[in-house]
C-alpha atoms as a PDB file:
ATOM      1  CA  UNK A   1     -35.290  48.547  18.172  1.00  0.00           C
ATOM      2  CA  UNK A   2     -32.835  45.666  17.336  1.00  0.00           C
ATOM      3  CA  UNK A   3     -28.803  46.448  16.769  1.00  0.00           C
ATOM      4  CA  UNK A   4     -30.058  44.652  13.309  1.00  0.00           C
ATOM      5  CA  UNK A   5     -32.719  46.509  12.780  1.00  0.00           C
ATOM      6  CA  UNK A   6     -30.132  49.641  13.846  1.00  0.00           C
ATOM      7  CA  UNK A   7     -28.104  49.195  11.030  1.00  0.00           C
ATOM      8  CA  UNK A   8     -30.325  48.247   8.532  1.00  0.00           C
ATOM      9  CA  UNK A   9     -32.493  51.414   9.253  1.00  0.00           C
ATOM     10  CA  UNK A  10     -29.067  53.738   8.986  1.00  0.00           C
ATOM     11  CA  UNK A  11     -28.249  52.102   6.329  1.00  0.00           C
ATOM     12  CA  UNK A  12     -31.772  53.774   4.454  1.00  0.00           C
ATOM     13  CA  UNK A  13     -32.969  50.302   3.940  1.00  0.00           C
ATOM     14  CA  UNK A  14     -36.374  50.052   4.150  1.00  0.00           C
ATOM     15  CA  UNK A  15     -37.379  48.223   7.893  1.00  0.00           C
ATOM     16  CA  UNK A  16     -40.621  46.679   7.873  1.00  0.00           C
ATOM     17  CA  UNK A  17     -41.772  47.334  11.406  1.00  0.00           C
ATOM     18  CA  UNK A  18     -43.468  44.452  12.823  1.00  0.00           C
ATOM     19  CA  UNK A  19     -46.801  42.720  12.011  1.00  0.00           C
ATOM     20  CA  UNK A  20     -47.600  40.701   9.157  1.00  0.00           C
ATOM     21  CA  UNK A  21     -45.030  40.154   6.404  1.00  0.00           C
ATOM     22  CA  UNK A  22     -45.635  41.001   3.031  1.00  0.00           C
ATOM     23  CA  UNK A  23     -45.975  37.548   1.406  1.00  0.00           C
ATOM     24  CA  UNK A  24     -48.249  36.860   4.342  1.00  0.00           C
ATOM     25  CA  UNK A  25     -50.510  39.956   3.566  1.00  0.00           C
ATOM     26  CA  UNK A  26     -50.182  39.404  -0.292  1.00  0.00           C
ATOM     27  CA  UNK A  27     -51.478  36.256   0.969  1.00  0.00           C
ATOM     28  CA  UNK A  28     -54.821  38.106   2.416  1.00  0.00           C
ATOM     29  CA  UNK A  29     -55.426  40.031  -0.251  1.00  0.00           C
ATOM     30  CA  UNK A  30     -55.083  37.145  -2.561  1.00  0.00           C
ATOM     31  CA  UNK A  31     -57.433  35.436  -0.483  1.00  0.00           C
ATOM     32  CA  UNK A  32     -60.121  38.193  -0.527  1.00  0.00           C
ATOM     33  CA  UNK A  33     -60.376  38.913  -3.817  1.00  0.00           C
ATOM     34  CA  UNK A  34     -61.273  35.046  -4.316  1.00  0.00           C
ATOM     35  CA  UNK A  35     -63.904  35.730  -2.178  1.00  0.00           C
ATOM     36  CA  UNK A  36     -65.177  38.332  -4.538  1.00  0.00           C
ATOM     37  CA  UNK A  37     -64.908  36.342  -7.109  1.00  0.00           C
ATOM     38  CA  UNK A  38     -66.400  33.741  -5.823  1.00  0.00           C
ATOM     39  CA  UNK A  39     -69.146  34.457  -3.729  1.00  0.00           C
ATOM     40  CA  UNK A  40     -70.265  37.913  -6.172  1.00  0.00           C
ATOM     41  CA  UNK A  41     -69.996  39.744  -3.865  1.00  0.00           C
ATOM     42  CA  UNK A  42     -68.888  44.056  -4.139  1.00  0.00           C
ATOM     43  CA  UNK A  43     -66.156  44.979  -2.923  1.00  0.00           C
ATOM     44  CA  UNK A  44     -67.032  47.428  -0.093  1.00  0.00           C
ATOM     45  CA  UNK A  45     -68.717  44.176   1.321  1.00  0.00           C
ATOM     46  CA  UNK A  46     -65.798  42.302   1.952  1.00  0.00           C
ATOM     47  CA  UNK A  47     -66.254  40.787   5.284  1.00  0.00           C
ATOM     48  CA  UNK A  48     -63.927  42.334   7.935  1.00  0.00           C
ATOM     49  CA  UNK A  49     -60.614  40.117   8.410  1.00  0.00           C
ATOM     50  CA  UNK A  50     -60.375  40.377   5.166  1.00  0.00           C
ATOM     51  CA  UNK A  51     -57.660  43.749   4.749  1.00  0.00           C
ATOM     52  CA  UNK A  52     -59.907  46.645   3.636  1.00  0.00           C
ATOM     53  CA  UNK A  53     -61.358  46.401   0.404  1.00  0.00           C
ATOM     54  CA  UNK A  54     -59.645  49.218  -1.075  1.00  0.00           C
ATOM     55  CA  UNK A  55     -56.523  47.716  -0.375  1.00  0.00           C
ATOM     56  CA  UNK A  56     -57.893  44.619  -2.145  1.00  0.00           C
ATOM     57  CA  UNK A  57     -59.443  46.013  -5.205  1.00  0.00           C
ATOM     58  CA  UNK A  58     -56.105  48.361  -5.720  1.00  0.00           C
ATOM     59  CA  UNK A  59     -53.913  45.868  -6.136  1.00  0.00           C
ATOM     60  CA  UNK A  60     -56.645  43.301  -8.382  1.00  0.00           C
ATOM     61  CA  UNK A  61     -56.594  46.247 -10.729  1.00  0.00           C
ATOM     62  CA  UNK A  62     -53.009  46.807 -11.490  1.00  0.00           C
ATOM     63  CA  UNK A  63     -52.637  42.610 -11.726  1.00  0.00           C
ATOM     64  CA  UNK A  64     -55.507  43.654 -14.194  1.00  0.00           C
ATOM     65  CA  UNK A  65     -53.902  45.991 -15.965  1.00  0.00           C
ATOM     66  CA  UNK A  66     -50.662  44.902 -16.542  1.00  0.00           C
ATOM     67  CA  UNK A  67     -51.870  41.426 -17.297  1.00  0.00           C
ATOM     68  CA  UNK A  68     -51.203  39.128 -14.443  1.00  0.00           C
ATOM     69  CA  UNK A  69     -55.028  38.631 -13.815  1.00  0.00           C
ATOM     70  CA  UNK A  70     -54.759  36.653 -18.026  1.00  0.00           C
ATOM     71  CA  UNK A  71     -52.096  35.449 -17.145  1.00  0.00           C
ATOM     72  CA  UNK A  72     -53.037  33.771 -14.269  1.00  0.00           C
ATOM     73  CA  UNK A  73     -56.326  32.520 -15.920  1.00  0.00           C
ATOM     74  CA  UNK A  74     -54.703  31.578 -18.619  1.00  0.00           C
ATOM     75  CA  UNK A  75     -51.810  29.319 -16.069  1.00  0.00           C
ATOM     76  CA  UNK A  76     -54.979  27.918 -14.382  1.00  0.00           C
ATOM     77  CA  UNK A  77     -57.198  26.826 -18.109  1.00  0.00           C
ATOM     78  CA  UNK A  78     -53.698  24.745 -19.178  1.00  0.00           C
ATOM     79  CA  UNK A  79     -53.574  23.597 -15.508  1.00  0.00           C
ATOM     80  CA  UNK A  80     -57.380  22.063 -15.717  1.00  0.00           C
ATOM     81  CA  UNK A  81     -57.140  21.246 -19.428  1.00  0.00           C
ATOM     82  CA  UNK A  82     -54.155  19.013 -19.048  1.00  0.00           C
ATOM     83  CA  UNK A  83     -55.187  17.265 -16.056  1.00  0.00           C
ATOM     84  CA  UNK A  84     -58.318  16.313 -17.769  1.00  0.00           C
ATOM     85  CA  UNK A  85     -55.886  14.637 -20.346  1.00  0.00           C
END
């Protein structure tokens, strides 16, 4: 553990331990959600190069519960209508 990580850890801050960044991981989950929507496959049938299906499904379900999915849909609809004129 480097000096910056040790200092952050001793200060009680949560320090990510290698791997992909949270932002990249989130992108992989969004890509998996899009894959399910585009192909119509079942969550359990997600290819193994995506994060675990339960992780993807749970995030999508949380977003749906708080209205994020609807907001994304509405913004995409506005963009498409604006581009179409």
